[in-house]
Amino acid sequence: MKRVTISDIARAADVSRATVSYALNDRPGARMSDATRQLVLSTAESLGYQGSPAARALRIGRGEVVLLLLPDWSTTGELGRVLSEVGRRTADIGLVCLRYEGPDWKGRLRELLGMVTAAAVVTFEPLSPSDTAAVETAGIPEVRAWLLDSKSHPHTTHIHQSDIVQAQVNHLLERGSASLAFVAATEDRDLPFVEARRGAFRRICAERRLNLAGDVVLSEGVNELGELLPGWIREGQPLGVVAFSDPSAVAVATAAAQCGLSVPEQVKVIGVDDSALATLVAPALTSIHFDLASEAASVAAELADVLSLPAPPPAQLAAPVAVVARAST
């Protein structure tokens, strides 16, 4: 189908091409009646006209696309919901989010920025030196939503992985767990987060001198866990399991049932994400809920600030992480 041009609109509306250009671009100082402006706009809409993003970027001095540069992480669960909320909040300030996921963009950001007229980039981990140079050379602002700590770069988000584990541990102790274990049943793309929480679990147990019964990242599923659980339980004392996710918590509850261990009397388990799954199993899972709206609102507010746009409406403040108690503890 032929692309609709300014000339097509001018011909259909019986006005000059200059008049069409002034109306479509809302050119300040152009002498034009409201009736003529509305005629041009309605004609453009009826013909299906779409302006050039590159031309608009040139006119306003920046693009309107925000690149979300994601590492090769799983975008299900909490991260997927953060991204959706960032997209919604970014739309509120008149911008469009474009996700670029996986490892292929790394080291090639200069090439990518040559193909997309970006207003800004949002990064979720530190960029490589070459990609940092590409962003700086392009004069594009970077908004950092770093989720994990590294040796030289701490996280920049309100929600930290250790806060999640701390909330899980505190709840299990409050519910009478005598010893604790960490279990993750997950895919490889989640491993950076698994290792961050596993490390936090070990540190918390060591600092507070808690009884660490075991920790495992499952490679063979429920059967593997079924062999471990009985050995983690001290006679007459309930075990508390810090699960990496709600599916991991389901694996714990399933393995416990197969071993003849009762939940929550002998095994107490708490998941993460407060997903729909948590309420669809029996017993229903205690889980961690995140304040994703505030996290996304912070990203949108920083984007508005660096791009000199009107500030978005603030999110209602809530605790970054909160325990939603159910029958599994």
C-alpha atoms as a PDB file:
ATOM      1  CA  MET A   1       0.000   0.000   0.000  1.00  0.00           C
ATOM      2  CA  LYS A   2       1.337   3.424  -1.007  1.00  0.00           C
ATOM      3  CA  ARG A   3       2.495   5.645   1.837  1.00  0.00           C
ATOM      4  CA  VAL A   4       0.339   8.736   2.323  1.00  0.00           C
ATOM      5  CA  THR A   5       2.318  11.955   1.798  1.00  0.00           C
ATOM      6  CA  ILE A   6       1.826  15.627   2.638  1.00  0.00           C
ATOM      7  CA  SER A   7       0.997  16.181  -1.023  1.00  0.00           C
ATOM      8  CA  ASP A   8      -1.861  13.655  -0.817  1.00  0.00           C
ATOM      9  CA  ILE A   9      -3.321  15.464   2.192  1.00  0.00           C
ATOM     10  CA  ALA A  10      -2.965  18.876   0.539  1.00  0.00           C
ATOM     11  CA  ARG A  11      -4.742  17.623  -2.570  1.00  0.00           C
ATOM     12  CA  ALA A  12      -7.590  16.002  -0.608  1.00  0.00           C
ATOM     13  CA  ALA A  13      -8.072  19.044   1.661  1.00  0.00           C
ATOM     14  CA  ASP A  14      -7.563  21.547  -1.189  1.00  0.00           C
ATOM     15  CA  VAL A  15      -4.871  23.471   0.699  1.00  0.00           C
ATOM     16  CA  SER A  16      -1.174  24.090   0.116  1.00  0.00           C
ATOM     17  CA  ARG A  17       1.573  21.695   1.190  1.00  0.00           C
ATOM     18  CA  ALA A  18       2.922  24.407   3.490  1.00  0.00           C
ATOM     19  CA  THR A  19      -0.453  24.637   5.238  1.00  0.00           C
ATOM     20  CA  VAL A  20      -0.462  20.884   5.754  1.00  0.00           C
ATOM     21  CA  SER A  21       3.072  20.984   7.145  1.00  0.00           C
ATOM     22  CA  TYR A  22       2.213  23.798   9.548  1.00  0.00           C
ATOM     23  CA  ALA A  23      -0.902  21.999  10.798  1.00  0.00           C
ATOM     24  CA  LEU A  24       0.690  18.574  11.242  1.00  0.00           C
ATOM     25  CA  ASN A  25       3.750  19.951  12.997  1.00  0.00           C
ATOM     26  CA  ASP A  26       1.797  22.479  15.062  1.00  0.00           C
ATOM     27  CA  ARG A  27       4.272  25.095  13.855  1.00  0.00           C
ATOM     28  CA  PRO A  28       4.270  28.118  16.211  1.00  0.00           C
ATOM     29  CA  GLY A  29       3.512  31.463  14.596  1.00  0.00           C
ATOM     30  CA  ALA A  30       1.733  29.951  11.569  1.00  0.00           C
ATOM     31  CA  ARG A  31      -1.330  31.953  10.589  1.00  0.00           C
ATOM     32  CA  MET A  32      -4.111  29.457  10.221  1.00  0.00           C
ATOM     33  CA  SER A  33      -7.723  29.295  11.313  1.00  0.00           C
ATOM     34  CA  ASP A  34      -8.831  26.549  13.664  1.00  0.00           C
ATOM     35  CA  ALA A  35     -11.210  25.333  10.967  1.00  0.00           C
ATOM     36  CA  THR A  36      -8.354  24.890   8.482  1.00  0.00           C
ATOM     37  CA  ARG A  37      -6.185  23.155  11.063  1.00  0.00           C
ATOM     38  CA  GLN A  38      -8.980  20.737  11.938  1.00  0.00           C
ATOM     39  CA  LEU A  39      -9.667  20.111   8.234  1.00  0.00           C
ATOM     40  CA  VAL A  40      -6.031  19.149   7.657  1.00  0.00           C
ATOM     41  CA  LEU A  41      -5.867  16.933  10.736  1.00  0.00           C
ATOM     42  CA  SER A  42      -9.132  15.132   9.967  1.00  0.00           C
ATOM     43  CA  THR A  43      -8.070  14.621   6.332  1.00  0.00           C
ATOM     44  CA  ALA A  44      -4.712  13.204   7.437  1.00  0.00           C
ATOM     45  CA  GLU A  45      -6.459  10.817   9.817  1.00  0.00           C
ATOM     46  CA  SER A  46      -8.973   9.663   7.205  1.00  0.00           C
ATOM     47  CA  LEU A  47      -6.162   8.929   4.729  1.00  0.00           C
ATOM     48  CA  GLY A  48      -4.141   7.023   7.348  1.00  0.00           C
ATOM     49  CA  TYR A  49      -1.196   9.404   7.365  1.00  0.00           C
ATOM     50  CA  GLN A  50       1.760   8.507   9.569  1.00  0.00           C
ATOM     51  CA  GLY A  51       4.494  11.051  10.130  1.00  0.00           C
ATOM     52  CA  SER A  52       8.189  10.257   9.941  1.00  0.00           C
ATOM     53  CA  PRO A  53       9.670   9.474  13.379  1.00  0.00           C
ATOM     54  CA  ALA A  54      13.080  10.620  12.145  1.00  0.00           C
ATOM     55  CA  ALA A  55      11.695  13.948  10.961  1.00  0.00           C
ATOM     56  CA  ARG A  56       9.862  14.470  14.236  1.00  0.00           C
ATOM     57  CA  ALA A  57      13.017  13.630  16.202  1.00  0.00           C
ATOM     58  CA  LEU A  58      14.933  16.177  14.153  1.00  0.00           C
ATOM     59  CA  ARG A  59      12.270  18.807  14.791  1.00  0.00           C
ATOM     60  CA  ILE A  60      12.005  18.328  18.573  1.00  0.00           C
ATOM     61  CA  GLY A  61      15.693  17.555  19.097  1.00  0.00           C
ATOM     62  CA  ARG A  62      15.363  13.972  20.364  1.00  0.00           C
ATOM     63  CA  GLY A  63      13.666  10.666  19.693  1.00  0.00           C
ATOM     64  CA  GLU A  64      10.569   9.386  21.480  1.00  0.00           C
ATOM     65  CA  VAL A  65      11.694   5.790  21.958  1.00  0.00           C
ATOM     66  CA  VAL A  66      13.196   4.555  25.223  1.00  0.00           C
ATOM     67  CA  LEU A  67      15.405   1.507  24.752  1.00  0.00           C
ATOM     68  CA  LEU A  68      15.181  -1.032  27.584  1.00  0.00           C
ATOM     69  CA  LEU A  69      18.512  -2.868  27.355  1.00  0.00           C
ATOM     70  CA  LEU A  70      17.988  -6.238  29.035  1.00  0.00           C
ATOM     71  CA  PRO A  71      20.654  -8.871  29.710  1.00  0.00           C
ATOM     72  CA  ASP A  72      19.906 -12.508  28.945  1.00  0.00           C
ATOM     73  CA  TRP A  73      17.549 -12.843  31.903  1.00  0.00           C
ATOM     74  CA  SER A  74      14.176 -14.502  32.161  1.00  0.00           C
ATOM     75  CA  THR A  75      11.460 -11.853  31.793  1.00  0.00           C
ATOM     76  CA  THR A  76       8.768 -13.840  33.570  1.00  0.00           C
ATOM     77  CA  GLY A  77       7.788 -13.227  37.171  1.00  0.00           C
ATOM     78  CA  GLU A  78       8.821 -10.013  38.901  1.00  0.00           C
ATOM     79  CA  LEU A  79      11.081  -8.710  36.112  1.00  0.00           C
ATOM     80  CA  GLY A  80       8.372  -9.098  33.479  1.00  0.00           C
ATOM     81  CA  ARG A  81       5.925  -7.177  35.619  1.00  0.00           C
ATOM     82  CA  VAL A  82       8.492  -4.434  36.279  1.00  0.00           C
ATOM     83  CA  LEU A  83       9.027  -4.048  32.528  1.00  0.00           C
ATOM     84  CA  SER A  84       5.286  -3.868  31.839  1.00  0.00           C
ATOM     85  CA  GLU A  85       4.865  -1.227  34.526  1.00  0.00           C
ATOM     86  CA  VAL A  86       7.832   0.771  33.196  1.00  0.00           C
ATOM     87  CA  GLY A  87       6.210   0.702  29.755  1.00  0.00           C
ATOM     88  CA  ARG A  88       2.908   1.957  31.139  1.00  0.00           C
ATOM     89  CA  ARG A  89       4.545   4.716  33.186  1.00  0.00           C
ATOM     90  CA  THR A  90       6.727   5.783  30.271  1.00  0.00           C
ATOM     91  CA  ALA A  91       3.664   6.077  28.039  1.00  0.00           C
ATOM     92  CA  ASP A  92       2.242   8.516  30.603  1.00  0.00           C
ATOM     93  CA  ILE A  93       5.065  10.954  29.740  1.00  0.00           C
ATOM     94  CA  GLY A  94       4.590  10.572  25.991  1.00  0.00           C
ATOM     95  CA  LEU A  95       7.347   8.072  25.218  1.00  0.00           C
ATOM     96  CA  VAL A  96       7.390   4.538  23.841  1.00  0.00           C
ATOM     97  CA  CYS A  97       9.450   1.677  25.277  1.00  0.00           C
ATOM     98  CA  LEU A  98      11.296  -0.777  23.055  1.00  0.00           C
ATOM     99  CA  ARG A  99      12.773  -3.845  24.717  1.00  0.00           C
ATOM    100  CA  TYR A 100      16.035  -5.273  23.443  1.00  0.00           C
ATOM    101  CA  GLU A 101      16.565  -8.596  25.205  1.00  0.00           C
ATOM    102  CA  GLY A 102      19.350 -11.151  25.348  1.00  0.00           C
ATOM    103  CA  PRO A 103      23.111 -11.057  24.835  1.00  0.00           C
ATOM    104  CA  ASP A 104      23.242 -10.041  21.155  1.00  0.00           C
ATOM    105  CA  TRP A 105      23.181  -6.256  21.677  1.00  0.00           C
ATOM    106  CA  LYS A 106      26.181  -6.249  23.979  1.00  0.00           C
ATOM    107  CA  GLY A 107      29.202  -4.764  22.257  1.00  0.00           C
ATOM    108  CA  ARG A 108      26.997  -3.634  19.360  1.00  0.00           C
ATOM    109  CA  LEU A 109      25.190  -0.739  20.987  1.00  0.00           C
ATOM    110  CA  ARG A 110      26.757   1.827  18.649  1.00  0.00           C
ATOM    111  CA  GLU A 111      25.217  -0.040  15.709  1.00  0.00           C
ATOM    112  CA  LEU A 112      21.834  -0.329  17.439  1.00  0.00           C
ATOM    113  CA  LEU A 113      21.719   3.373  18.279  1.00  0.00           C
ATOM    114  CA  GLY A 114      22.424   4.100  14.619  1.00  0.00           C
ATOM    115  CA  MET A 115      19.221   2.262  13.692  1.00  0.00           C
ATOM    116  CA  VAL A 116      16.888   3.606  16.399  1.00  0.00           C
ATOM    117  CA  THR A 117      16.356   7.295  17.175  1.00  0.00           C
ATOM    118  CA  ALA A 118      16.354   6.859  20.937  1.00  0.00           C
ATOM    119  CA  ALA A 119      15.419   9.466  23.518  1.00  0.00           C
ATOM    120  CA  ALA A 120      17.155   7.535  26.307  1.00  0.00           C
ATOM    121  CA  VAL A 121      18.284   4.085  27.327  1.00  0.00           C
ATOM    122  CA  VAL A 122      17.350   2.238  30.507  1.00  0.00           C
ATOM    123  CA  THR A 123      19.986  -0.236  31.652  1.00  0.00           C
ATOM    124  CA  PHE A 124      19.476  -3.077  34.131  1.00  0.00           C
ATOM    125  CA  GLU A 125      23.152  -3.828  34.702  1.00  0.00           C
ATOM    126  CA  PRO A 126      26.367  -1.857  34.016  1.00  0.00           C
ATOM    127  CA  LEU A 127      27.284  -1.425  30.360  1.00  0.00           C
ATOM    128  CA  SER A 128      30.624  -2.522  28.932  1.00  0.00           C
ATOM    129  CA  PRO A 129      33.173   0.253  28.270  1.00  0.00           C
ATOM    130  CA  SER A 130      32.483   0.155  24.516  1.00  0.00           C
ATOM    131  CA  ASP A 131      28.717   0.372  24.994  1.00  0.00           C
ATOM    132  CA  THR A 132      29.121   3.157  27.559  1.00  0.00           C
ATOM    133  CA  ALA A 133      31.209   5.069  25.004  1.00  0.00           C
ATOM    134  CA  ALA A 134      28.493   4.517  22.366  1.00  0.00           C
ATOM    135  CA  VAL A 135      25.815   6.041  24.608  1.00  0.00           C
ATOM    136  CA  GLU A 136      28.029   8.998  25.545  1.00  0.00           C
ATOM    137  CA  THR A 137      29.047   9.654  21.936  1.00  0.00           C
ATOM    138  CA  ALA A 138      25.408   9.611  20.835  1.00  0.00           C
ATOM    139  CA  GLY A 139      24.555  12.106  23.590  1.00  0.00           C
ATOM    140  CA  ILE A 140      21.750   9.872  24.835  1.00  0.00           C
ATOM    141  CA  PRO A 141      20.994   9.880  28.573  1.00  0.00           C
ATOM    142  CA  GLU A 142      21.209   6.602  30.497  1.00  0.00           C
ATOM    143  CA  VAL A 143      18.765   5.794  33.298  1.00  0.00           C
ATOM    144  CA  ARG A 144      20.079   3.061  35.566  1.00  0.00           C
ATOM    145  CA  ALA A 145      17.717   0.469  37.000  1.00  0.00           C
ATOM    146  CA  TRP A 146      20.425  -1.933  38.122  1.00  0.00           C
ATOM    147  CA  LEU A 147      18.864  -4.866  39.960  1.00  0.00           C
ATOM    148  CA  LEU A 148      21.955  -6.720  41.180  1.00  0.00           C
ATOM    149  CA  ASP A 149      25.112  -5.760  43.025  1.00  0.00           C
ATOM    150  CA  SER A 150      28.468  -6.260  41.331  1.00  0.00           C
ATOM    151  CA  LYS A 151      31.982  -5.770  42.672  1.00  0.00           C
ATOM    152  CA  SER A 152      32.237  -2.140  41.588  1.00  0.00           C
ATOM    153  CA  HIS A 153      28.598  -1.166  40.965  1.00  0.00           C
ATOM    154  CA  PRO A 154      25.862  -1.455  43.615  1.00  0.00           C
ATOM    155  CA  HIS A 155      22.214  -1.862  42.698  1.00  0.00           C
ATOM    156  CA  THR A 156      20.262   1.326  42.010  1.00  0.00           C
ATOM    157  CA  THR A 157      16.701   0.049  42.527  1.00  0.00           C
ATOM    158  CA  HIS A 158      14.624   0.299  45.697  1.00  0.00           C
ATOM    159  CA  ILE A 159      14.126  -3.469  45.784  1.00  0.00           C
ATOM    160  CA  HIS A 160      17.279  -5.387  46.649  1.00  0.00           C
ATOM    161  CA  GLN A 161      17.714  -9.149  46.524  1.00  0.00           C
ATOM    162  CA  SER A 162      18.894  -9.328  50.143  1.00  0.00           C
ATOM    163  CA  ASP A 163      15.734  -7.490  51.275  1.00  0.00           C
ATOM    164  CA  ILE A 164      13.655 -10.270  49.722  1.00  0.00           C
ATOM    165  CA  VAL A 165      15.574 -12.992  51.535  1.00  0.00           C
ATOM    166  CA  GLN A 166      15.572 -11.051  54.813  1.00  0.00           C
ATOM    167  CA  ALA A 167      11.772 -10.812  54.708  1.00  0.00           C
ATOM    168  CA  GLN A 168      11.495 -14.548  53.993  1.00  0.00           C
ATOM    169  CA  VAL A 169      13.848 -15.490  56.820  1.00  0.00           C
ATOM    170  CA  ASN A 170      12.145 -13.195  59.330  1.00  0.00           C
ATOM    171  CA  HIS A 171       8.731 -14.645  58.542  1.00  0.00           C
ATOM    172  CA  LEU A 172       9.876 -18.252  58.836  1.00  0.00           C
ATOM    173  CA  LEU A 173      11.496 -17.541  62.209  1.00  0.00           C
ATOM    174  CA  GLU A 174       8.348 -15.792  63.420  1.00  0.00           C
ATOM    175  CA  ARG A 175       6.381 -18.912  62.451  1.00  0.00           C
ATOM    176  CA  GLY A 176       8.627 -21.123  64.565  1.00  0.00           C
ATOM    177  CA  SER A 177      11.117 -22.606  62.101  1.00  0.00           C
ATOM    178  CA  ALA A 178      14.060 -24.139  63.967  1.00  0.00           C
ATOM    179  CA  SER A 179      16.340 -24.475  60.944  1.00  0.00           C
ATOM    180  CA  LEU A 180      16.402 -22.977  57.454  1.00  0.00           C
ATOM    181  CA  ALA A 181      17.131 -24.093  53.912  1.00  0.00           C
ATOM    182  CA  PHE A 182      17.268 -22.414  50.495  1.00  0.00           C
ATOM    183  CA  VAL A 183      15.792 -24.071  47.386  1.00  0.00           C
ATOM    184  CA  ALA A 184      15.731 -22.907  43.778  1.00  0.00           C
ATOM    185  CA  ALA A 185      14.109 -24.802  40.913  1.00  0.00           C
ATOM    186  CA  THR A 186      14.644 -22.578  37.920  1.00  0.00           C
ATOM    187  CA  GLU A 187      16.084 -22.070  34.438  1.00  0.00           C
ATOM    188  CA  ASP A 188      19.612 -20.935  33.614  1.00  0.00           C
ATOM    189  CA  ARG A 189      18.511 -17.385  32.720  1.00  0.00           C
ATOM    190  CA  ASP A 190      17.511 -16.871  36.372  1.00  0.00           C
ATOM    191  CA  LEU A 191      20.897 -17.906  37.759  1.00  0.00           C
ATOM    192  CA  PRO A 192      22.237 -14.368  38.413  1.00  0.00           C
ATOM    193  CA  PHE A 193      19.258 -13.740  40.698  1.00  0.00           C
ATOM    194  CA  VAL A 194      19.448 -17.228  42.215  1.00  0.00           C
ATOM    195  CA  GLU A 195      23.094 -16.733  43.157  1.00  0.00           C
ATOM    196  CA  ALA A 196      22.397 -13.247  44.558  1.00  0.00           C
ATOM    197  CA  ARG A 197      19.653 -14.573  46.856  1.00  0.00           C
ATOM    198  CA  ARG A 198      21.545 -17.720  47.727  1.00  0.00           C
ATOM    199  CA  GLY A 199      24.532 -15.623  48.761  1.00  0.00           C
ATOM    200  CA  ALA A 200      22.271 -13.318  50.785  1.00  0.00           C
ATOM    201  CA  PHE A 201      20.708 -16.343  52.501  1.00  0.00           C
ATOM    202  CA  ARG A 202      24.087 -17.677  53.549  1.00  0.00           C
ATOM    203  CA  ARG A 203      25.243 -14.267  54.813  1.00  0.00           C
ATOM    204  CA  ILE A 204      22.075 -13.728  56.841  1.00  0.00           C
ATOM    205  CA  CYS A 205      22.331 -17.177  58.420  1.00  0.00           C
ATOM    206  CA  ALA A 206      25.992 -16.600  59.281  1.00  0.00           C
ATOM    207  CA  GLU A 207      25.493 -13.079  60.658  1.00  0.00           C
ATOM    208  CA  ARG A 208      22.516 -14.103  62.795  1.00  0.00           C
ATOM    209  CA  ARG A 209      23.950 -17.500  63.707  1.00  0.00           C
ATOM    210  CA  LEU A 210      20.941 -19.329  62.363  1.00  0.00           C
ATOM    211  CA  ASN A 211      20.860 -23.070  61.782  1.00  0.00           C
ATOM    212  CA  LEU A 212      21.421 -23.537  58.031  1.00  0.00           C
ATOM    213  CA  ALA A 213      20.165 -27.009  57.195  1.00  0.00           C
ATOM    214  CA  GLY A 214      21.031 -26.885  53.500  1.00  0.00           C
ATOM    215  CA  ASP A 215      20.773 -25.019  50.208  1.00  0.00           C
ATOM    216  CA  VAL A 216      20.357 -26.375  46.700  1.00  0.00           C
ATOM    217  CA  VAL A 217      19.753 -25.292  43.115  1.00  0.00           C
ATOM    218  CA  LEU A 218      17.832 -28.225  41.694  1.00  0.00           C
ATOM    219  CA  SER A 219      19.033 -29.881  38.514  1.00  0.00           C
ATOM    220  CA  GLU A 220      16.805 -32.959  38.632  1.00  0.00           C
ATOM    221  CA  GLY A 221      13.560 -31.542  39.980  1.00  0.00           C
ATOM    222  CA  VAL A 222      11.337 -32.810  42.764  1.00  0.00           C
ATOM    223  CA  ASN A 223      12.932 -36.270  43.025  1.00  0.00           C
ATOM    224  CA  GLU A 224      16.286 -34.719  43.922  1.00  0.00           C
ATOM    225  CA  LEU A 225      14.662 -32.571  46.584  1.00  0.00           C
ATOM    226  CA  GLY A 226      12.773 -35.542  47.964  1.00  0.00           C
ATOM    227  CA  GLU A 227      16.088 -37.173  48.794  1.00  0.00           C
ATOM    228  CA  LEU A 228      17.353 -34.067  50.610  1.00  0.00           C
ATOM    229  CA  LEU A 229      14.371 -32.860  52.649  1.00  0.00           C
ATOM    230  CA  PRO A 230      14.210 -35.654  55.254  1.00  0.00           C
ATOM    231  CA  GLY A 231      17.895 -35.141  56.098  1.00  0.00           C
ATOM    232  CA  TRP A 232      17.366 -31.437  56.687  1.00  0.00           C
ATOM    233  CA  ILE A 233      14.698 -31.908  59.342  1.00  0.00           C
ATOM    234  CA  ARG A 234      15.589 -32.272  63.005  1.00  0.00           C
ATOM    235  CA  GLU A 235      13.206 -34.530  64.852  1.00  0.00           C
ATOM    236  CA  GLY A 236      10.282 -32.578  66.260  1.00  0.00           C
ATOM    237  CA  GLN A 237      11.519 -29.255  64.892  1.00  0.00           C
ATOM    238  CA  PRO A 238       9.979 -27.602  61.808  1.00  0.00           C
ATOM    239  CA  LEU A 239      12.157 -26.724  58.823  1.00  0.00           C
ATOM    240  CA  GLY A 240      11.692 -23.344  57.136  1.00  0.00           C
ATOM    241  CA  VAL A 241      12.417 -23.218  53.407  1.00  0.00           C
ATOM    242  CA  VAL A 242      13.331 -20.002  51.635  1.00  0.00           C
ATOM    243  CA  ALA A 243      12.247 -20.684  48.046  1.00  0.00           C
ATOM    244  CA  PHE A 244      13.612 -18.676  45.124  1.00  0.00           C
ATOM    245  CA  SER A 245      10.188 -18.333  43.503  1.00  0.00           C
ATOM    246  CA  ASP A 246       6.616 -19.530  43.781  1.00  0.00           C
ATOM    247  CA  PRO A 247       7.317 -22.469  41.397  1.00  0.00           C
ATOM    248  CA  SER A 248      10.290 -23.369  43.604  1.00  0.00           C
ATOM    249  CA  ALA A 249       7.968 -23.283  46.620  1.00  0.00           C
ATOM    250  CA  VAL A 250       5.541 -25.621  44.812  1.00  0.00           C
ATOM    251  CA  ALA A 251       8.456 -28.019  44.231  1.00  0.00           C
ATOM    252  CA  VAL A 252       9.207 -27.963  47.966  1.00  0.00           C
ATOM    253  CA  ALA A 253       5.578 -28.632  48.919  1.00  0.00           C
ATOM    254  CA  THR A 254       5.345 -31.457  46.347  1.00  0.00           C
ATOM    255  CA  ALA A 255       8.565 -33.090  47.537  1.00  0.00           C
ATOM    256  CA  ALA A 256       7.417 -32.819  51.159  1.00  0.00           C
ATOM    257  CA  ALA A 257       4.136 -34.565  50.337  1.00  0.00           C
ATOM    258  CA  GLN A 258       5.989 -37.352  48.507  1.00  0.00           C
ATOM    259  CA  CYS A 259       8.173 -37.841  51.598  1.00  0.00           C
ATOM    260  CA  GLY A 260       5.192 -37.937  53.934  1.00  0.00           C
ATOM    261  CA  LEU A 261       6.115 -34.598  55.496  1.00  0.00           C
ATOM    262  CA  SER A 262       3.287 -32.209  56.329  1.00  0.00           C
ATOM    263  CA  VAL A 263       3.190 -28.542  55.284  1.00  0.00           C
ATOM    264  CA  PRO A 264       3.303 -26.361  57.357  1.00  0.00           C
ATOM    265  CA  GLU A 265       3.630 -28.530  60.484  1.00  0.00           C
ATOM    266  CA  GLN A 266       6.973 -30.101  59.554  1.00  0.00           C
ATOM    267  CA  VAL A 267       8.027 -28.018  56.530  1.00  0.00           C
ATOM    268  CA  LYS A 268       7.199 -24.334  56.220  1.00  0.00           C
ATOM    269  CA  VAL A 269       7.854 -22.751  52.823  1.00  0.00           C
ATOM    270  CA  ILE A 270       7.692 -19.201  51.489  1.00  0.00           C
ATOM    271  CA  GLY A 271       7.954 -18.276  47.809  1.00  0.00           C
ATOM    272  CA  VAL A 272       8.564 -15.059  45.860  1.00  0.00           C
ATOM    273  CA  ASP A 273       6.433 -13.089  43.361  1.00  0.00           C
ATOM    274  CA  ASP A 274       2.983 -13.499  44.940  1.00  0.00           C
ATOM    275  CA  SER A 275       1.888 -14.961  41.615  1.00  0.00           C
ATOM    276  CA  ALA A 276      -1.485 -16.463  40.757  1.00  0.00           C
ATOM    277  CA  LEU A 277       0.121 -19.877  41.264  1.00  0.00           C
ATOM    278  CA  ALA A 278       0.447 -19.158  44.991  1.00  0.00           C
ATOM    279  CA  THR A 279      -3.321 -19.319  45.444  1.00  0.00           C
ATOM    280  CA  LEU A 280      -3.961 -22.241  43.069  1.00  0.00           C
ATOM    281  CA  VAL A 281      -2.153 -24.929  45.058  1.00  0.00           C
ATOM    282  CA  ALA A 282      -2.966 -26.589  48.378  1.00  0.00           C
ATOM    283  CA  PRO A 283      -1.832 -25.474  50.816  1.00  0.00           C
ATOM    284  CA  ALA A 284      -1.815 -21.958  49.411  1.00  0.00           C
ATOM    285  CA  LEU A 285       1.677 -20.476  49.363  1.00  0.00           C
ATOM    286  CA  THR A 286       2.977 -17.698  51.544  1.00  0.00           C
ATOM    287  CA  SER A 287       4.895 -15.414  49.201  1.00  0.00           C
ATOM    288  CA  ILE A 288       6.719 -12.098  48.825  1.00  0.00           C
ATOM    289  CA  HIS A 289       4.893  -9.224  47.115  1.00  0.00           C
ATOM    290  CA  PHE A 290       6.816  -6.379  45.441  1.00  0.00           C
ATOM    291  CA  ASP A 291       5.954  -2.711  45.144  1.00  0.00           C
ATOM    292  CA  LEU A 292       6.566  -2.684  41.390  1.00  0.00           C
ATOM    293  CA  ALA A 293       4.569   0.512  40.807  1.00  0.00           C
ATOM    294  CA  SER A 294       7.004   2.617  42.840  1.00  0.00           C
ATOM    295  CA  GLU A 295       9.994   0.983  41.136  1.00  0.00           C
ATOM    296  CA  ALA A 296       8.604   1.752  37.672  1.00  0.00           C
ATOM    297  CA  ALA A 297       7.520   5.238  38.720  1.00  0.00           C
ATOM    298  CA  SER A 298      11.106   6.013  39.762  1.00  0.00           C
ATOM    299  CA  VAL A 299      12.368   5.033  36.303  1.00  0.00           C
ATOM    300  CA  ALA A 300       9.698   7.162  34.587  1.00  0.00           C
ATOM    301  CA  ALA A 301      10.415  10.120  36.877  1.00  0.00           C
ATOM    302  CA  GLU A 302      14.132   9.970  36.099  1.00  0.00           C
ATOM    303  CA  LEU A 303      13.389   9.745  32.369  1.00  0.00           C
ATOM    304  CA  ALA A 304      11.168  12.814  32.615  1.00  0.00           C
ATOM    305  CA  ASP A 305      13.873  14.656  34.529  1.00  0.00           C
ATOM    306  CA  VAL A 306      16.765  13.934  32.130  1.00  0.00           C
ATOM    307  CA  LEU A 307      14.559  14.727  29.101  1.00  0.00           C
ATOM    308  CA  SER A 308      13.017  17.880  30.630  1.00  0.00           C
ATOM    309  CA  LEU A 309       9.486  16.489  30.372  1.00  0.00           C
ATOM    310  CA  PRO A 310       6.607  17.116  32.797  1.00  0.00           C
ATOM    311  CA  ALA A 311       6.945  14.880  35.841  1.00  0.00           C
ATOM    312  CA  PRO A 312       4.629  11.839  35.850  1.00  0.00           C
ATOM    313  CA  PRO A 313       2.132  11.356  38.674  1.00  0.00           C
ATOM    314  CA  PRO A 314       3.842   9.785  41.692  1.00  0.00           C
ATOM    315  CA  ALA A 315       3.029   6.234  42.704  1.00  0.00           C
ATOM    316  CA  GLN A 316       1.443   5.505  46.049  1.00  0.00           C
ATOM    317  CA  LEU A 317       4.277   4.559  48.375  1.00  0.00           C
ATOM    318  CA  ALA A 318       4.306   1.074  49.849  1.00  0.00           C
ATOM    319  CA  ALA A 319       6.891  -1.228  51.406  1.00  0.00           C
ATOM    320  CA  PRO A 320       9.352  -2.415  48.701  1.00  0.00           C
ATOM    321  CA  VAL A 321       8.767  -6.024  49.764  1.00  0.00           C
ATOM    322  CA  ALA A 322       5.972  -7.443  51.895  1.00  0.00           C
ATOM    323  CA  VAL A 323       5.017 -10.913  53.095  1.00  0.00           C
ATOM    324  CA  VAL A 324       1.617 -12.237  52.020  1.00  0.00           C
ATOM    325  CA  ALA A 325       0.984 -14.966  54.584  1.00  0.00           C
ATOM    326  CA  ARG A 326      -0.983 -18.057  53.572  1.00  0.00           C
ATOM    327  CA  ALA A 327      -1.317 -21.685  54.667  1.00  0.00           C
ATOM    328  CA  SER A 328       2.184 -22.919  53.707  1.00  0.00           C
ATOM    329  CA  THR A 329       3.741 -21.269  56.768  1.00  0.00           C
END
